[in-house]
């Protein structure tokens, strides 16, 4: 029989796992690697958004449909970044 965790169980684990001092110490250890990676990733992500928005404007896509197309572009970017070689 499968035992499912309750919301209380999940919150207890979250509270224990993400102590601010622990998270802060870990971030200090990896900040020199994480910040440049985040910067490059955000620049790439914004570039994709800048390419997709004019196309959506051209075809009059607005509202929830616009969010769907932007989300799809984000998913494509995610898969492209994870693939290597000729597949990408």
PDB file of N, CA and C in Angstrom:
ATOM      1  N   UNK A   1       0.836  -1.176   0.000  1.00  0.00           N
ATOM      2  CA  UNK A   1       0.000   0.000   0.000  1.00  0.00           C
ATOM      3  C   UNK A   1       0.888   1.249   0.000  1.00  0.00           C
ATOM      4  N   UNK A   2       0.587   2.170  -0.862  1.00  0.00           N
ATOM      5  CA  UNK A   2       1.350   3.398  -0.970  1.00  0.00           C
ATOM      6  C   UNK A   2       0.959   4.362   0.139  1.00  0.00           C
ATOM      7  N   UNK A   3       1.962   4.972   0.735  1.00  0.00           N
ATOM      8  CA  UNK A   3       1.703   5.981   1.760  1.00  0.00           C
ATOM      9  C   UNK A   3       2.010   7.341   1.140  1.00  0.00           C
ATOM     10  N   UNK A   4       1.026   8.203   1.134  1.00  0.00           N
ATOM     11  CA  UNK A   4       1.195   9.536   0.577  1.00  0.00           C
ATOM     12  C   UNK A   4       1.497  10.522   1.694  1.00  0.00           C
ATOM     13  N   UNK A   5       2.396  11.440   1.417  1.00  0.00           N
ATOM     14  CA  UNK A   5       2.730  12.458   2.413  1.00  0.00           C
ATOM     15  C   UNK A   5       1.650  13.526   2.438  1.00  0.00           C
ATOM     16  N   UNK A   6       1.323  13.955   3.625  1.00  0.00           N
ATOM     17  CA  UNK A   6       0.324  15.015   3.771  1.00  0.00           C
ATOM     18  C   UNK A   6       1.004  16.370   3.599  1.00  0.00           C
ATOM     19  N   UNK A   7       0.204  17.394   3.529  1.00  0.00           N
ATOM     20  CA  UNK A   7       0.742  18.750   3.460  1.00  0.00           C
ATOM     21  C   UNK A   7       1.563  19.081   4.689  1.00  0.00           C
ATOM     22  N   UNK A   8       1.131  18.588   5.848  1.00  0.00           N
ATOM     23  CA  UNK A   8       1.871  18.820   7.096  1.00  0.00           C
ATOM     24  C   UNK A   8       3.251  18.164   7.017  1.00  0.00           C
ATOM     25  N   UNK A   9       3.290  16.941   6.499  1.00  0.00           N
ATOM     26  CA  UNK A   9       4.567  16.232   6.366  1.00  0.00           C
ATOM     27  C   UNK A   9       5.509  16.979   5.430  1.00  0.00           C
ATOM     28  N   UNK A  10       4.978  17.438   4.328  1.00  0.00           N
ATOM     29  CA  UNK A  10       5.797  18.164   3.354  1.00  0.00           C
ATOM     30  C   UNK A  10       6.326  19.471   3.941  1.00  0.00           C
ATOM     31  N   UNK A  11       5.470  20.170   4.677  1.00  0.00           N
ATOM     32  CA  UNK A  11       5.891  21.430   5.286  1.00  0.00           C
ATOM     33  C   UNK A  11       6.972  21.182   6.342  1.00  0.00           C
ATOM     34  N   UNK A  12       6.821  20.126   7.130  1.00  0.00           N
ATOM     35  CA  UNK A  12       7.819  19.805   8.148  1.00  0.00           C
ATOM     36  C   UNK A  12       9.176  19.527   7.498  1.00  0.00           C
ATOM     37  N   UNK A  13       9.181  18.782   6.397  1.00  0.00           N
ATOM     38  CA  UNK A  13      10.435  18.491   5.705  1.00  0.00           C
ATOM     39  C   UNK A  13      11.028  19.769   5.116  1.00  0.00           C
ATOM     40  N   UNK A  14      10.181  20.610   4.516  1.00  0.00           N
ATOM     41  CA  UNK A  14      10.642  21.873   3.938  1.00  0.00           C
ATOM     42  C   UNK A  14      11.272  22.746   5.013  1.00  0.00           C
ATOM     43  N   UNK A  15      10.595  22.863   6.155  1.00  0.00           N
ATOM     44  CA  UNK A  15      11.097  23.699   7.251  1.00  0.00           C
ATOM     45  C   UNK A  15      12.441  23.201   7.755  1.00  0.00           C
ATOM     46  N   UNK A  16      12.591  21.889   7.853  1.00  0.00           N
ATOM     47  CA  UNK A  16      13.844  21.320   8.336  1.00  0.00           C
ATOM     48  C   UNK A  16      14.960  21.433   7.298  1.00  0.00           C
ATOM     49  N   UNK A  17      14.615  21.289   6.044  1.00  0.00           N
ATOM     50  CA  UNK A  17      15.617  21.253   4.979  1.00  0.00           C
ATOM     51  C   UNK A  17      16.130  22.641   4.606  1.00  0.00           C
ATOM     52  N   UNK A  18      15.262  23.619   4.617  1.00  0.00           N
ATOM     53  CA  UNK A  18      15.635  24.946   4.123  1.00  0.00           C
ATOM     54  C   UNK A  18      15.808  25.940   5.257  1.00  0.00           C
ATOM     55  N   UNK A  19      16.735  25.652   6.148  1.00  0.00           N
ATOM     56  CA  UNK A  19      17.106  26.576   7.211  1.00  0.00           C
ATOM     57  C   UNK A  19      17.903  27.705   6.552  1.00  0.00           C
ATOM     58  N   UNK A  20      17.556  28.968   6.802  1.00  0.00           N
ATOM     59  CA  UNK A  20      18.230  30.076   6.114  1.00  0.00           C
ATOM     60  C   UNK A  20      19.753  30.052   6.223  1.00  0.00           C
ATOM     61  N   UNK A  21      20.283  29.687   7.373  1.00  0.00           N
ATOM     62  CA  UNK A  21      21.740  29.658   7.529  1.00  0.00           C
ATOM     63  C   UNK A  21      22.364  28.603   6.616  1.00  0.00           C
ATOM     64  N   UNK A  22      21.723  27.454   6.510  1.00  0.00           N
ATOM     65  CA  UNK A  22      22.237  26.379   5.658  1.00  0.00           C
ATOM     66  C   UNK A  22      22.173  26.771   4.190  1.00  0.00           C
ATOM     67  N   UNK A  23      21.038  27.309   3.784  1.00  0.00           N
ATOM     68  CA  UNK A  23      20.873  27.718   2.390  1.00  0.00           C
ATOM     69  C   UNK A  23      21.855  28.835   2.054  1.00  0.00           C
ATOM     70  N   UNK A  24      22.017  29.789   2.965  1.00  0.00           N
ATOM     71  CA  UNK A  24      22.954  30.889   2.744  1.00  0.00           C
ATOM     72  C   UNK A  24      24.383  30.401   2.603  1.00  0.00           C
ATOM     73  N   UNK A  25      24.779  29.474   3.465  1.00  0.00           N
ATOM     74  CA  UNK A  25      26.139  28.933   3.398  1.00  0.00           C
ATOM     75  C   UNK A  25      26.360  28.193   2.084  1.00  0.00           C
ATOM     76  N   UNK A  26      25.385  27.408   1.658  1.00  0.00           N
ATOM     77  CA  UNK A  26      25.514  26.660   0.406  1.00  0.00           C
ATOM     78  C   UNK A  26      25.605  27.625  -0.782  1.00  0.00           C
ATOM     79  N   UNK A  27      24.793  28.679  -0.774  1.00  0.00           N
ATOM     80  CA  UNK A  27      24.837  29.628  -1.884  1.00  0.00           C
ATOM     81  C   UNK A  27      26.180  30.340  -1.934  1.00  0.00           C
ATOM     82  N   UNK A  28      26.742  30.680  -0.781  1.00  0.00           N
ATOM     83  CA  UNK A  28      28.060  31.316  -0.770  1.00  0.00           C
ATOM     84  C   UNK A  28      29.106  30.414  -1.415  1.00  0.00           C
ATOM     85  N   UNK A  29      28.968  29.107  -1.207  1.00  0.00           N
ATOM     86  CA  UNK A  29      29.933  28.160  -1.758  1.00  0.00           C
ATOM     87  C   UNK A  29      29.840  28.052  -3.277  1.00  0.00           C
ATOM     88  N   UNK A  30      28.665  28.211  -3.835  1.00  0.00           N
ATOM     89  CA  UNK A  30      28.491  28.008  -5.278  1.00  0.00           C
ATOM     90  C   UNK A  30      28.206  29.296  -6.048  1.00  0.00           C
ATOM     91  N   UNK A  31      28.208  30.431  -5.373  1.00  0.00           N
ATOM     92  CA  UNK A  31      27.827  31.693  -6.016  1.00  0.00           C
ATOM     93  C   UNK A  31      28.700  32.024  -7.226  1.00  0.00           C
ATOM     94  N   UNK A  32      29.988  31.750  -7.149  1.00  0.00           N
ATOM     95  CA  UNK A  32      30.885  32.082  -8.264  1.00  0.00           C
ATOM     96  C   UNK A  32      30.562  31.301  -9.528  1.00  0.00           C
ATOM     97  N   UNK A  33      29.963  30.143  -9.383  1.00  0.00           N
ATOM     98  CA  UNK A  33      29.563  29.334 -10.534  1.00  0.00           C
ATOM     99  C   UNK A  33      28.118  29.641 -10.925  1.00  0.00           C
ATOM    100  N   UNK A  34      27.262  29.777  -9.930  1.00  0.00           N
ATOM    101  CA  UNK A  34      25.823  29.918 -10.185  1.00  0.00           C
ATOM    102  C   UNK A  34      25.456  31.250 -10.834  1.00  0.00           C
ATOM    103  N   UNK A  35      26.054  32.335 -10.386  1.00  0.00           N
ATOM    104  CA  UNK A  35      25.662  33.650 -10.913  1.00  0.00           C
ATOM    105  C   UNK A  35      25.966  33.818 -12.399  1.00  0.00           C
ATOM    106  N   UNK A  36      27.158  33.471 -12.890  1.00  0.00           N
ATOM    107  CA  UNK A  36      27.385  33.577 -14.339  1.00  0.00           C
ATOM    108  C   UNK A  36      26.467  32.668 -15.158  1.00  0.00           C
ATOM    109  N   UNK A  37      26.201  31.466 -14.643  1.00  0.00           N
ATOM    110  CA  UNK A  37      25.283  30.569 -15.352  1.00  0.00           C
ATOM    111  C   UNK A  37      23.882  31.158 -15.405  1.00  0.00           C
ATOM    112  N   UNK A  38      23.440  31.711 -14.287  1.00  0.00           N
ATOM    113  CA  UNK A  38      22.107  32.318 -14.248  1.00  0.00           C
ATOM    114  C   UNK A  38      22.042  33.504 -15.199  1.00  0.00           C
ATOM    115  N   UNK A  39      23.093  34.313 -15.224  1.00  0.00           N
ATOM    116  CA  UNK A  39      23.110  35.473 -16.112  1.00  0.00           C
ATOM    117  C   UNK A  39      22.988  35.040 -17.568  1.00  0.00           C
ATOM    118  N   UNK A  40      23.772  34.061 -17.972  1.00  0.00           N
ATOM    119  CA  UNK A  40      23.713  33.596 -19.356  1.00  0.00           C
ATOM    120  C   UNK A  40      22.353  32.992 -19.675  1.00  0.00           C
ATOM    121  N   UNK A  41      21.820  32.212 -18.754  1.00  0.00           N
ATOM    122  CA  UNK A  41      20.512  31.603 -18.973  1.00  0.00           C
ATOM    123  C   UNK A  41      19.407  32.630 -19.110  1.00  0.00           C
ATOM    124  N   UNK A  42      19.447  33.661 -18.283  1.00  0.00           N
ATOM    125  CA  UNK A  42      18.415  34.698 -18.347  1.00  0.00           C
ATOM    126  C   UNK A  42      18.533  35.530 -19.619  1.00  0.00           C
ATOM    127  N   UNK A  43      19.756  35.771 -20.065  1.00  0.00           N
ATOM    128  CA  UNK A  43      19.950  36.506 -21.317  1.00  0.00           C
ATOM    129  C   UNK A  43      19.392  35.694 -22.489  1.00  0.00           C
ATOM    130  N   UNK A  44      19.669  34.395 -22.503  1.00  0.00           N
ATOM    131  CA  UNK A  44      19.154  33.523 -23.563  1.00  0.00           C
ATOM    132  C   UNK A  44      17.635  33.471 -23.525  1.00  0.00           C
ATOM    133  N   UNK A  45      17.071  33.303 -22.326  1.00  0.00           N
ATOM    134  CA  UNK A  45      15.612  33.235 -22.152  1.00  0.00           C
ATOM    135  C   UNK A  45      14.954  34.521 -22.652  1.00  0.00           C
ATOM    136  N   UNK A  46      15.523  35.671 -22.285  1.00  0.00           N
ATOM    137  CA  UNK A  46      14.961  36.946 -22.732  1.00  0.00           C
ATOM    138  C   UNK A  46      15.068  37.082 -24.247  1.00  0.00           C
ATOM    139  N   UNK A  47      16.147  36.564 -24.827  1.00  0.00           N
ATOM    140  CA  UNK A  47      16.302  36.605 -26.280  1.00  0.00           C
ATOM    141  C   UNK A  47      15.218  35.821 -26.996  1.00  0.00           C
ATOM    142  N   UNK A  48      14.884  34.659 -26.468  1.00  0.00           N
ATOM    143  CA  UNK A  48      13.805  33.856 -27.061  1.00  0.00           C
ATOM    144  C   UNK A  48      12.485  34.609 -26.946  1.00  0.00           C
ATOM    145  N   UNK A  49      12.230  35.197 -25.793  1.00  0.00           N
ATOM    146  CA  UNK A  49      11.003  35.966 -25.606  1.00  0.00           C
ATOM    147  C   UNK A  49      10.925  37.117 -26.619  1.00  0.00           C
ATOM    148  N   UNK A  50      12.069  37.779 -26.834  1.00  0.00           N
ATOM    149  CA  UNK A  50      12.104  38.893 -27.782  1.00  0.00           C
ATOM    150  C   UNK A  50      11.874  38.435 -29.221  1.00  0.00           C
ATOM    151  N   UNK A  51      12.236  37.200 -29.541  1.00  0.00           N
ATOM    152  CA  UNK A  51      11.984  36.667 -30.880  1.00  0.00           C
ATOM    153  C   UNK A  51      10.522  36.250 -31.066  1.00  0.00           C
ATOM    154  N   UNK A  52       9.908  35.720 -30.020  1.00  0.00           N
ATOM    155  CA  UNK A  52       8.548  35.191 -30.122  1.00  0.00           C
ATOM    156  C   UNK A  52       7.496  36.300 -30.054  1.00  0.00           C
ATOM    157  N   UNK A  53       7.705  37.301 -29.217  1.00  0.00           N
ATOM    158  CA  UNK A  53       6.690  38.353 -29.035  1.00  0.00           C
ATOM    159  C   UNK A  53       6.271  39.038 -30.334  1.00  0.00           C
ATOM    160  N   UNK A  54       7.206  39.444 -31.203  1.00  0.00           N
ATOM    161  CA  UNK A  54       6.774  40.090 -32.448  1.00  0.00           C
ATOM    162  C   UNK A  54       5.919  39.183 -33.334  1.00  0.00           C
ATOM    163  N   UNK A  55       6.202  37.896 -33.319  1.00  0.00           N
ATOM    164  CA  UNK A  55       5.396  36.957 -34.108  1.00  0.00           C
ATOM    165  C   UNK A  55       3.981  36.903 -33.549  1.00  0.00           C
ATOM    166  N   UNK A  56       3.867  36.848 -32.226  1.00  0.00           N
ATOM    167  CA  UNK A  56       2.545  36.830 -31.598  1.00  0.00           C
ATOM    168  C   UNK A  56       1.798  38.134 -31.865  1.00  0.00           C
ATOM    169  N   UNK A  57       2.522  39.255 -31.837  1.00  0.00           N
ATOM    170  CA  UNK A  57       1.895  40.548 -32.141  1.00  0.00           C
ATOM    171  C   UNK A  57       1.388  40.579 -33.578  1.00  0.00           C
ATOM    172  N   UNK A  58       2.192  40.047 -34.492  1.00  0.00           N
ATOM    173  CA  UNK A  58       1.832  40.047 -35.909  1.00  0.00           C
ATOM    174  C   UNK A  58       0.517  39.319 -36.152  1.00  0.00           C
ATOM    175  N   UNK A  59       0.303  38.213 -35.436  1.00  0.00           N
ATOM    176  CA  UNK A  59      -0.904  37.422 -35.629  1.00  0.00           C
ATOM    177  C   UNK A  59      -2.003  37.746 -34.622  1.00  0.00           C
ATOM    178  N   UNK A  60      -1.806  38.776 -33.817  1.00  0.00           N
ATOM    179  CA  UNK A  60      -2.842  39.218 -32.890  1.00  0.00           C
ATOM    180  C   UNK A  60      -3.126  38.264 -31.743  1.00  0.00           C
ATOM    181  N   UNK A  61      -2.137  37.498 -31.341  1.00  0.00           N
ATOM    182  CA  UNK A  61      -2.324  36.556 -30.234  1.00  0.00           C
ATOM    183  C   UNK A  61      -2.203  37.327 -28.925  1.00  0.00           C
ATOM    184  N   UNK A  62      -3.234  37.214 -28.075  1.00  0.00           N
ATOM    185  CA  UNK A  62      -3.241  37.953 -26.813  1.00  0.00           C
ATOM    186  C   UNK A  62      -3.811  37.080 -25.702  1.00  0.00           C
ATOM    187  N   UNK A  63      -3.710  37.581 -24.488  1.00  0.00           N
ATOM    188  CA  UNK A  63      -4.313  36.924 -23.333  1.00  0.00           C
ATOM    189  C   UNK A  63      -3.712  35.565 -23.026  1.00  0.00           C
ATOM    190  N   UNK A  64      -4.567  34.631 -22.597  1.00  0.00           N
ATOM    191  CA  UNK A  64      -4.076  33.305 -22.212  1.00  0.00           C
ATOM    192  C   UNK A  64      -3.382  32.563 -23.358  1.00  0.00           C
ATOM    193  N   UNK A  65      -3.816  32.797 -24.579  1.00  0.00           N
ATOM    194  CA  UNK A  65      -3.162  32.135 -25.713  1.00  0.00           C
ATOM    195  C   UNK A  65      -1.716  32.594 -25.849  1.00  0.00           C
ATOM    196  N   UNK A  66      -1.470  33.860 -25.596  1.00  0.00           N
ATOM    197  CA  UNK A  66      -0.116  34.402 -25.664  1.00  0.00           C
ATOM    198  C   UNK A  66       0.785  33.692 -24.649  1.00  0.00           C
ATOM    199  N   UNK A  67       0.267  33.509 -23.446  1.00  0.00           N
ATOM    200  CA  UNK A  67       1.043  32.828 -22.405  1.00  0.00           C
ATOM    201  C   UNK A  67       1.354  31.388 -22.808  1.00  0.00           C
ATOM    202  N   UNK A  68       0.414  30.741 -23.469  1.00  0.00           N
ATOM    203  CA  UNK A  68       0.642  29.358 -23.910  1.00  0.00           C
ATOM    204  C   UNK A  68       1.789  29.286 -24.920  1.00  0.00           C
ATOM    205  N   UNK A  69       1.790  30.204 -25.878  1.00  0.00           N
ATOM    206  CA  UNK A  69       2.840  30.189 -26.891  1.00  0.00           C
ATOM    207  C   UNK A  69       4.202  30.544 -26.291  1.00  0.00           C
ATOM    208  N   UNK A  70       4.226  31.511 -25.381  1.00  0.00           N
ATOM    209  CA  UNK A  70       5.485  31.855 -24.727  1.00  0.00           C
ATOM    210  C   UNK A  70       5.981  30.683 -23.879  1.00  0.00           C
ATOM    211  N   UNK A  71       5.065  30.004 -23.212  1.00  0.00           N
ATOM    212  CA  UNK A  71       5.436  28.824 -22.438  1.00  0.00           C
ATOM    213  C   UNK A  71       5.984  27.716 -23.317  1.00  0.00           C
ATOM    214  N   UNK A  72       5.381  27.542 -24.485  1.00  0.00           N
ATOM    215  CA  UNK A  72       5.868  26.533 -25.428  1.00  0.00           C
ATOM    216  C   UNK A  72       7.283  26.876 -25.889  1.00  0.00           C
ATOM    217  N   UNK A  73       7.533  28.154 -26.165  1.00  0.00           N
ATOM    218  CA  UNK A  73       8.875  28.587 -26.564  1.00  0.00           C
ATOM    219  C   UNK A  73       9.873  28.313 -25.440  1.00  0.00           C
ATOM    220  N   UNK A  74       9.456  28.532 -24.198  1.00  0.00           N
ATOM    221  CA  UNK A  74      10.333  28.252 -23.060  1.00  0.00           C
ATOM    222  C   UNK A  74      10.660  26.765 -22.967  1.00  0.00           C
ATOM    223  N   UNK A  75       9.669  25.917 -23.210  1.00  0.00           N
ATOM    224  CA  UNK A  75       9.900  24.469 -23.174  1.00  0.00           C
ATOM    225  C   UNK A  75      10.865  24.042 -24.283  1.00  0.00           C
ATOM    226  N   UNK A  76      10.703  24.622 -25.469  1.00  0.00           N
ATOM    227  CA  UNK A  76      11.632  24.305 -26.559  1.00  0.00           C
ATOM    228  C   UNK A  76      13.054  24.701 -26.186  1.00  0.00           C
ATOM    229  N   UNK A  77      13.205  25.883 -25.605  1.00  0.00           N
ATOM    230  CA  UNK A  77      14.526  26.341 -25.182  1.00  0.00           C
ATOM    231  C   UNK A  77      15.120  25.380 -24.157  1.00  0.00           C
ATOM    232  N   UNK A  78      14.309  24.939 -23.227  1.00  0.00           N
ATOM    233  CA  UNK A  78      14.772  23.997 -22.205  1.00  0.00           C
ATOM    234  C   UNK A  78      15.296  22.715 -22.847  1.00  0.00           C
ATOM    235  N   UNK A  79      14.566  22.185 -23.822  1.00  0.00           N
ATOM    236  CA  UNK A  79      14.990  20.946 -24.473  1.00  0.00           C
ATOM    237  C   UNK A  79      16.220  21.161 -25.347  1.00  0.00           C
ATOM    238  N   UNK A  80      16.302  22.295 -26.002  1.00  0.00           N
ATOM    239  CA  UNK A  80      17.478  22.592 -26.823  1.00  0.00           C
ATOM    240  C   UNK A  80      18.722  22.682 -25.946  1.00  0.00           C
ATOM    241  N   UNK A  81      18.592  23.315 -24.788  1.00  0.00           N
ATOM    242  CA  UNK A  81      19.742  23.459 -23.892  1.00  0.00           C
ATOM    243  C   UNK A  81      20.185  22.130 -23.294  1.00  0.00           C
ATOM    244  N   UNK A  82      19.281  21.180 -23.186  1.00  0.00           N
ATOM    245  CA  UNK A  82      19.631  19.876 -22.612  1.00  0.00           C
ATOM    246  C   UNK A  82      20.158  18.904 -23.655  1.00  0.00           C
ATOM    247  N   UNK A  83      19.880  19.168 -24.918  1.00  0.00           N
ATOM    248  CA  UNK A  83      20.354  18.289 -25.987  1.00  0.00           C
ATOM    249  C   UNK A  83      21.750  18.731 -26.414  1.00  0.00           C
ATOM    250  N   UNK A  84      22.474  17.809 -27.000  1.00  0.00           N
ATOM    251  CA  UNK A  84      23.789  18.168 -27.514  1.00  0.00           C
ATOM    252  C   UNK A  84      23.978  17.516 -28.878  1.00  0.00           C
ATOM    253  N   UNK A  85      24.967  17.973 -29.576  1.00  0.00           N
ATOM    254  CA  UNK A  85      25.272  17.397 -30.881  1.00  0.00           C
ATOM    255  C   UNK A  85      24.317  17.876 -31.954  1.00  0.00           C
ATOM    256  N   UNK A  86      24.146  17.063 -32.985  1.00  0.00           N
ATOM    257  CA  UNK A  86      23.336  17.443 -34.131  1.00  0.00           C
ATOM    258  C   UNK A  86      21.853  17.502 -33.820  1.00  0.00           C
ATOM    259  N   UNK A  87      21.417  16.838 -32.766  1.00  0.00           N
ATOM    260  CA  UNK A  87      19.994  16.854 -32.420  1.00  0.00           C
ATOM    261  C   UNK A  87      19.529  18.256 -32.074  1.00  0.00           C
ATOM    262  N   UNK A  88      20.413  19.049 -31.506  1.00  0.00           N
ATOM    263  CA  UNK A  88      20.048  20.416 -31.141  1.00  0.00           C
ATOM    264  C   UNK A  88      20.099  21.250 -32.380  1.00  0.00           C
TER     265      UNK A  88
END
